Amino acid sequence: MKITRFRTTLVNVPLEAPIATAIHRIESTGCVLLELETDQGLVGESYVQTLNGVRLGALHEMLRGFAHQVEGRDPHMVAQIWQDIWNEMNPIGHKGFSIAALSAIDIACWDLLGKAAGLPLHKVFGACRERVKTYASGGLWLSQPIDSLVREAAGFIDAGFLAMKLRLGKATIAEDIERVRAVRDAIGPGIELLVDANQSLGVKHAIRLGRELEQFDLTWFEEPVVYHNLVGCAEVRAALDTPIAAGETEYTRYGMRDILAAAAVDVLMPDLQRIGGFSEMRRVAALASAFDIPISTHLFTEHSLCIAGAEIGCISIEHMPWTAPLFNEAMEIGGGLITIPDRPGTGFSFDRKAIKRFGV
């Protein structure tokens, strides 16, 4: 099998309404879709994204710049393709859009391998489960008033979620506490509640807030401080009983190694785009297991499911619905769990009508 065509398409998918975290305002997600066509008629698919479509053209150009490493090659040589791209990107660095491009190519190659074998990727990798715990992450934003948070939390429970994430980062500790209290009172003690400060707090503020929030039995406190302050994150972790989760903003196994070595997290959160695709995500899962630290993947819900189905240490999947309109298949959620599809490859395929609708 040979890859005969490297095809890219740009789309921008609007959200139902603008949202805000402590550091973002988001109205849409712009994506570069990648399709690797082969001489056997199979097509491997993947995508990478950028909030609001900002610098989408630059992301596209970076991805196109590695097409020569793929065209004419057998996707079964995915490990060598990965390494060749890694070596080529040395002059521009192993972070940022270069890693995003590598991730897209790696995922599309693996999608081809699964389709060629007629197997879902979690079974190609070696399966450990058919369903995995998930949490609702597509709501409870910092920009919402409390009455809206309460209504949306109830809606998540009705949709089959038994866990959900609330964003923090108000000007005062009292405001954040009020919001957490309202949601906890609304959902009761049997539903897991996670909070995310989106890197917006100083160390002392995070510790003071975290101590006040321990009464609400939180599953984790995510990104309390800026991602590169590993010493500060470790300090927050040491001061609190609530588990600390972070890692989505770092790149590759080397960034994850630094986080783990700093004892900065209780849960590591690698992002499929920033980590380097399925190949590197599996290395990171193995690395985290050596530190007895579980992982929970960030965004890219559809494509991360095969990792959750193959890695014992993956304790949950973030459910983010932003890119769901791009796919023919819908995710199956119930009883707080999300089903890992049994379809070949990643189990998800692009909807041509949606691509036309959202095309840039």
Protein backbone atom coordinates (compact mmCIF):
# COMPACT_ATOMS: atom_id res chain seq x y z
CA MET A 1 0.00 0.00 0.00
CA LYS A 2 1.30 3.43 -0.99
CA ILE A 3 0.10 6.92 -0.16
CA THR A 4 -0.72 8.57 -3.49
CA ARG A 5 -2.26 11.86 -2.44
CA PHE A 6 -1.86 14.29 0.46
CA ARG A 7 -5.07 16.34 0.58
CA THR A 8 -5.88 19.17 2.99
CA THR A 9 -9.06 21.16 3.57
CA LEU A 10 -9.63 24.20 5.79
CA VAL A 11 -12.83 24.58 7.81
CA ASN A 12 -14.03 26.86 10.59
CA VAL A 13 -16.75 25.43 12.85
CA PRO A 14 -18.72 28.06 14.82
CA LEU A 15 -19.76 27.38 18.41
CA GLU A 16 -23.40 27.70 19.37
CA ALA A 17 -22.52 30.88 21.26
CA PRO A 18 -19.25 32.64 22.18
CA ILE A 19 -17.64 31.39 25.38
CA ALA A 20 -14.90 32.60 27.70
CA THR A 21 -12.38 31.12 30.12
CA ALA A 22 -10.00 33.11 32.27
CA ILE A 23 -7.59 33.43 29.31
CA HIS A 24 -9.65 32.71 26.16
CA ARG A 25 -12.62 34.06 24.24
CA ILE A 26 -13.74 31.43 21.75
CA GLU A 27 -16.26 31.78 18.93
CA SER A 28 -15.19 28.94 16.65
CA THR A 29 -12.61 26.25 16.09
CA GLY A 30 -10.67 26.36 12.84
CA CYS A 31 -9.39 23.02 11.56
CA VAL A 32 -7.04 21.73 8.90
CA LEU A 33 -8.41 18.37 7.76
CA LEU A 34 -5.90 15.87 6.37
CA GLU A 35 -6.77 12.98 4.06
CA LEU A 36 -4.09 10.53 2.93
CA GLU A 37 -5.34 8.64 -0.13
CA THR A 38 -3.76 5.30 -1.14
CA ASP A 39 -3.42 3.12 -4.20
CA GLN A 40 -5.75 0.60 -2.51
CA GLY A 41 -8.63 3.07 -2.25
CA LEU A 42 -8.31 3.56 1.51
CA VAL A 43 -8.21 7.06 2.99
CA GLY A 44 -6.62 7.96 6.33
CA GLU A 45 -8.15 10.97 8.06
CA SER A 46 -7.11 13.36 10.82
CA TYR A 47 -7.29 17.02 11.76
CA VAL A 48 -5.57 19.72 13.79
CA GLN A 49 -7.21 22.85 15.10
CA THR A 50 -6.69 26.43 16.22
CA LEU A 51 -9.13 28.47 18.30
CA ASN A 52 -11.19 30.96 16.30
CA GLY A 53 -9.34 29.94 13.15
CA VAL A 54 -6.48 32.27 14.13
CA ARG A 55 -3.32 31.51 12.10
CA LEU A 56 -5.15 28.70 10.34
CA GLY A 57 -3.21 29.46 7.16
CA ALA A 58 0.11 29.14 8.98
CA LEU A 59 -0.94 25.79 10.45
CA HIS A 60 -1.96 24.65 6.97
CA GLU A 61 1.36 25.67 5.44
CA MET A 62 3.29 23.84 8.15
CA LEU A 63 1.34 20.67 7.48
CA ARG A 64 1.76 20.95 3.70
CA GLY A 65 5.47 21.42 4.23
CA PHE A 66 5.83 17.78 5.30
CA ALA A 67 3.82 16.26 2.43
CA HIS A 68 7.02 15.05 0.74
CA GLN A 69 7.72 12.85 3.77
CA VAL A 70 4.47 10.96 3.17
CA GLU A 71 3.63 10.81 -0.53
CA GLY A 72 4.73 7.57 -2.17
CA ARG A 73 5.39 5.81 1.14
CA ASP A 74 3.76 2.83 2.80
CA PRO A 75 1.81 4.01 5.88
CA HIS A 76 2.83 0.80 7.63
CA MET A 77 6.21 2.52 7.98
CA VAL A 78 4.57 4.97 10.37
CA ALA A 79 7.41 4.81 12.91
CA GLN A 80 9.99 5.75 10.29
CA ILE A 81 7.76 8.46 8.84
CA TRP A 82 7.38 9.91 12.36
CA GLN A 83 11.13 9.89 12.92
CA ASP A 84 11.94 11.41 9.52
CA ILE A 85 9.57 14.32 10.15
CA TRP A 86 10.96 14.75 13.67
CA ASN A 87 14.48 14.95 12.29
CA GLU A 88 13.50 17.41 9.57
CA MET A 89 11.86 19.83 11.98
CA ASN A 90 15.04 20.30 14.02
CA PRO A 91 15.84 23.77 12.58
CA ILE A 92 12.35 25.10 13.38
CA GLY A 93 11.98 23.39 16.76
CA HIS A 94 10.02 20.56 18.29
CA LYS A 95 7.09 22.55 19.63
CA GLY A 96 4.19 24.52 18.20
CA PHE A 97 2.77 24.04 14.71
CA SER A 98 5.56 21.69 13.66
CA ILE A 99 4.40 19.13 16.23
CA ALA A 100 0.77 19.73 15.24
CA ALA A 101 1.68 18.83 11.65
CA LEU A 102 3.50 15.70 12.79
CA SER A 103 0.47 14.73 14.88
CA ALA A 104 -1.92 15.02 11.95
CA ILE A 105 0.25 12.88 9.70
CA ASP A 106 0.82 10.24 12.38
CA ILE A 107 -2.90 9.94 13.18
CA ALA A 108 -3.86 9.66 9.50
CA CYS A 109 -1.24 6.94 8.95
CA TRP A 110 -2.52 4.96 11.93
CA ASP A 111 -6.09 5.40 10.68
CA LEU A 112 -4.96 3.80 7.42
CA LEU A 113 -3.33 0.91 9.27
CA GLY A 114 -6.52 0.18 11.16
CA LYS A 115 -8.60 0.32 8.00
CA ALA A 116 -6.16 -1.93 6.14
CA ALA A 117 -6.38 -4.47 8.97
CA GLY A 118 -10.15 -4.10 9.27
CA LEU A 119 -9.74 -3.38 12.99
CA PRO A 120 -10.40 -0.47 15.35
CA LEU A 121 -7.14 1.07 16.48
CA HIS A 122 -7.55 0.23 20.15
CA LYS A 123 -7.49 -3.43 19.11
CA VAL A 124 -4.51 -2.86 16.81
CA PHE A 125 -2.68 -1.32 19.77
CA GLY A 126 -3.89 -4.04 22.16
CA ALA A 127 -7.23 -3.35 23.81
CA CYS A 128 -7.90 -3.03 27.53
CA ARG A 129 -11.51 -1.77 27.56
CA GLU A 130 -14.54 -1.03 25.39
CA ARG A 131 -15.85 1.98 27.33
CA VAL A 132 -14.13 4.68 29.36
CA LYS A 133 -15.20 7.31 31.87
CA THR A 134 -15.85 10.73 30.42
CA TYR A 135 -16.75 14.18 31.71
CA ALA A 136 -18.72 16.99 30.12
CA SER A 137 -16.34 19.80 29.20
CA GLY A 138 -18.38 21.73 26.65
CA GLY A 139 -20.04 24.06 29.15
CA LEU A 140 -19.96 25.66 32.61
CA TRP A 141 -17.83 28.51 31.27
CA LEU A 142 -16.48 31.46 33.21
CA SER A 143 -18.61 33.79 31.08
CA GLN A 144 -21.89 32.21 32.26
CA PRO A 145 -23.97 33.52 35.16
CA ILE A 146 -24.76 31.14 38.00
CA ASP A 147 -28.34 30.40 36.94
CA SER A 148 -27.04 29.33 33.53
CA LEU A 149 -24.45 27.06 35.16
CA VAL A 150 -27.13 25.32 37.22
CA ARG A 151 -29.37 24.73 34.20
CA GLU A 152 -26.53 23.42 32.08
CA ALA A 153 -25.29 21.10 34.82
CA ALA A 154 -28.74 19.50 34.98
CA GLY A 155 -28.68 19.12 31.21
CA PHE A 156 -25.39 17.24 31.33
CA ILE A 157 -26.84 14.74 33.78
CA ASP A 158 -29.87 14.25 31.52
CA ALA A 159 -27.45 13.59 28.62
CA GLY A 160 -25.82 10.69 30.48
CA PHE A 161 -22.83 12.37 32.12
CA LEU A 162 -21.84 11.58 35.69
CA ALA A 163 -18.96 14.09 35.74
CA MET A 164 -18.52 17.66 34.50
CA LYS A 165 -15.96 20.47 34.51
CA LEU A 166 -16.48 24.05 35.73
CA ARG A 167 -14.14 26.93 34.80
CA LEU A 168 -12.69 29.19 37.50
CA GLY A 169 -10.83 32.48 37.42
CA LYS A 170 -13.11 35.22 38.75
CA ALA A 171 -11.58 38.31 40.28
CA THR A 172 -12.12 37.14 43.85
CA ILE A 173 -11.96 33.83 45.66
CA ALA A 174 -15.45 34.43 47.01
CA GLU A 175 -16.91 34.58 43.50
CA ASP A 176 -15.30 31.30 42.47
CA ILE A 177 -16.48 29.63 45.67
CA GLU A 178 -20.03 30.84 45.08
CA ARG A 179 -20.06 29.34 41.59
CA VAL A 180 -18.66 25.99 42.72
CA ARG A 181 -21.11 25.83 45.61
CA ALA A 182 -24.07 26.50 43.32
CA VAL A 183 -23.11 23.75 40.89
CA ARG A 184 -22.32 21.24 43.63
CA ASP A 185 -25.66 21.95 45.33
CA ALA A 186 -27.44 21.51 41.98
CA ILE A 187 -25.85 18.18 41.01
CA GLY A 188 -25.55 16.62 44.47
CA PRO A 189 -22.73 14.52 45.91
CA GLY A 190 -23.07 11.61 43.48
CA ILE A 191 -21.84 13.51 40.40
CA GLU A 192 -18.14 14.22 39.95
CA LEU A 193 -17.18 17.89 39.72
CA LEU A 194 -13.87 19.03 38.21
CA VAL A 195 -12.60 22.62 38.11
CA ASP A 196 -10.21 24.34 35.72
CA ALA A 197 -8.49 27.70 36.31
CA ASN A 198 -6.94 27.74 32.81
CA GLN A 199 -3.53 28.81 34.17
CA SER A 200 -4.92 32.10 35.44
CA LEU A 201 -3.87 32.09 39.11
CA GLY A 202 -0.76 32.88 41.09
CA VAL A 203 0.59 30.17 43.37
CA LYS A 204 -0.63 31.68 46.66
CA HIS A 205 -4.03 32.52 45.19
CA ALA A 206 -4.37 28.96 43.87
CA ILE A 207 -3.51 27.48 47.26
CA ARG A 208 -5.94 29.74 49.12
CA LEU A 209 -8.71 28.99 46.63
CA GLY A 210 -7.92 25.29 46.56
CA ARG A 211 -8.16 25.02 50.34
CA GLU A 212 -11.55 26.70 50.32
CA LEU A 213 -12.76 24.37 47.57
CA GLU A 214 -11.82 21.14 49.31
CA GLN A 215 -15.19 21.11 51.06
CA PHE A 216 -16.83 20.40 47.67
CA ASP A 217 -15.08 17.04 47.06
CA LEU A 218 -13.60 17.95 43.66
CA THR A 219 -12.22 15.28 41.35
CA TRP A 220 -9.36 17.55 40.36
CA PHE A 221 -8.15 21.16 40.17
CA GLU A 222 -6.84 21.70 36.64
CA GLU A 223 -4.08 24.08 35.54
CA PRO A 224 -4.10 26.28 38.64
CA VAL A 225 -1.01 28.23 37.47
CA VAL A 226 0.69 29.04 34.18
CA TYR A 227 1.83 25.82 32.49
CA HIS A 228 5.58 26.50 32.52
CA ASN A 229 5.71 27.18 36.28
CA LEU A 230 6.31 23.57 37.26
CA VAL A 231 7.79 24.53 40.63
CA GLY A 232 4.66 26.55 41.41
CA CYS A 233 2.34 23.78 40.27
CA ALA A 234 4.21 21.31 42.46
CA GLU A 235 3.86 23.73 45.38
CA VAL A 236 0.10 23.91 44.85
CA ARG A 237 -0.09 20.13 44.62
CA ALA A 238 1.82 19.68 47.87
CA ALA A 239 -0.44 22.14 49.71
CA LEU A 240 -3.78 20.59 48.70
CA ASP A 241 -5.58 17.29 49.12
CA THR A 242 -7.46 17.82 45.84
CA PRO A 243 -5.62 16.18 42.91
CA ILE A 244 -3.90 18.51 40.45
CA ALA A 245 -4.26 17.94 36.69
CA ALA A 246 -2.16 19.60 33.97
CA GLY A 247 -0.13 18.96 30.84
CA GLU A 248 -2.34 19.99 27.91
CA THR A 249 -0.11 22.93 26.93
CA GLU A 250 3.19 21.03 26.81
CA TYR A 251 4.70 19.13 23.89
CA THR A 252 5.92 15.58 23.32
CA ARG A 253 7.35 13.08 25.78
CA TYR A 254 10.05 15.57 26.74
CA GLY A 255 7.58 18.13 28.04
CA MET A 256 5.67 15.40 29.86
CA ARG A 257 8.92 14.09 31.36
CA ASP A 258 9.65 17.50 32.84
CA ILE A 259 6.17 17.71 34.40
CA LEU A 260 6.47 14.25 35.91
CA ALA A 261 10.00 14.83 37.18
CA ALA A 262 8.84 18.02 38.90
CA ALA A 263 6.11 16.07 40.76
CA ALA A 264 3.72 18.76 39.51
CA VAL A 265 0.59 16.67 38.83
CA ASP A 266 -1.60 13.87 40.08
CA VAL A 267 -3.18 13.46 36.62
CA LEU A 268 -1.28 14.11 33.39
CA MET A 269 -3.34 15.62 30.55
CA PRO A 270 -1.58 15.22 27.18
CA ASP A 271 -3.19 16.87 24.15
CA LEU A 272 -3.21 14.72 21.01
CA GLN A 273 -2.20 17.64 18.75
CA ARG A 274 0.60 18.91 20.97
CA ILE A 275 1.90 15.48 21.95
CA GLY A 276 2.83 14.20 18.49
CA GLY A 277 -0.01 11.89 17.47
CA PHE A 278 -0.87 8.36 18.52
CA SER A 279 2.75 7.16 18.34
CA GLU A 280 3.96 9.70 20.88
CA MET A 281 0.81 9.52 23.02
CA ARG A 282 1.45 5.84 23.62
CA ARG A 283 5.03 6.60 24.65
CA VAL A 284 3.75 9.23 27.06
CA ALA A 285 1.24 6.80 28.57
CA ALA A 286 4.10 4.37 29.21
CA LEU A 287 6.25 7.14 30.67
CA ALA A 288 3.47 8.27 33.01
CA SER A 289 2.92 4.70 34.18
CA ALA A 290 6.55 4.56 35.30
CA PHE A 291 5.71 7.44 37.67
CA ASP A 292 2.42 5.79 38.73
CA ILE A 293 0.57 8.81 37.31
CA PRO A 294 -2.62 8.28 35.26
CA ILE A 295 -3.41 10.20 32.10
CA SER A 296 -6.63 11.85 30.93
CA THR A 297 -6.57 13.09 27.35
CA HIS A 298 -7.27 16.71 26.39
CA LEU A 299 -9.75 17.63 23.59
CA PHE A 300 -9.83 15.57 20.33
CA THR A 301 -12.44 13.33 21.93
CA GLU A 302 -13.25 11.20 18.88
CA HIS A 303 -9.65 10.45 17.98
CA SER A 304 -8.45 10.01 21.58
CA LEU A 305 -10.87 7.16 22.23
CA CYS A 306 -8.59 4.55 20.70
CA ILE A 307 -5.85 5.57 23.16
CA ALA A 308 -8.27 5.21 26.07
CA GLY A 309 -9.18 1.77 24.77
CA ALA A 310 -5.58 0.60 24.72
CA GLU A 311 -3.88 2.30 27.68
CA ILE A 312 -4.68 0.97 31.15
CA GLY A 313 -3.46 4.20 32.72
CA CYS A 314 -5.96 6.39 30.82
CA ILE A 315 -8.61 7.04 33.44
CA SER A 316 -10.93 9.33 31.47
CA ILE A 317 -11.62 11.23 28.26
CA GLU A 318 -12.54 14.89 28.02
CA HIS A 319 -15.80 15.19 26.09
CA MET A 320 -15.65 18.34 23.96
CA PRO A 321 -18.34 18.63 21.25
CA TRP A 322 -16.74 21.39 19.16
CA THR A 323 -15.72 19.24 16.19
CA ALA A 324 -18.58 16.70 16.38
CA PRO A 325 -20.36 18.34 13.38
CA LEU A 326 -17.45 17.33 11.13
CA PHE A 327 -18.05 13.59 11.50
CA ASN A 328 -20.60 11.17 10.07
CA GLU A 329 -20.59 9.16 13.30
CA ALA A 330 -21.79 10.32 16.72
CA MET A 331 -20.22 9.45 20.05
CA GLU A 332 -22.21 7.15 22.34
CA ILE A 333 -22.50 8.29 25.97
CA GLY A 334 -24.40 6.73 28.85
CA GLY A 335 -23.95 6.04 32.53
CA GLY A 336 -20.98 8.38 32.63
CA LEU A 337 -19.10 6.31 30.06
CA ILE A 338 -18.26 6.84 26.41
CA THR A 339 -18.12 3.88 24.04
CA ILE A 340 -14.92 3.21 22.10
CA PRO A 341 -16.07 2.50 18.53
CA ASP A 342 -15.53 -0.93 17.01
CA ARG A 343 -15.26 0.49 13.48
CA PRO A 344 -11.92 0.20 11.60
CA GLY A 345 -9.25 2.83 12.18
CA THR A 346 -10.25 5.68 14.47
CA GLY A 347 -13.88 4.79 13.85
CA PHE A 348 -14.80 8.30 12.67
CA SER A 349 -15.02 9.70 9.14
CA PHE A 350 -15.47 13.22 7.80
CA ASP A 351 -18.93 14.31 6.67
CA ARG A 352 -18.53 15.78 3.15
CA LYS A 353 -21.63 17.96 3.55
CA ALA A 354 -20.26 19.41 6.78
CA ILE A 355 -16.90 20.11 5.14
CA LYS A 356 -18.64 22.02 2.38
CA ARG A 357 -20.78 23.88 4.89
CA PHE A 358 -17.88 24.97 7.11
CA GLY A 359 -15.23 25.30 4.40
CA VAL A 360 -12.94 28.32 4.46
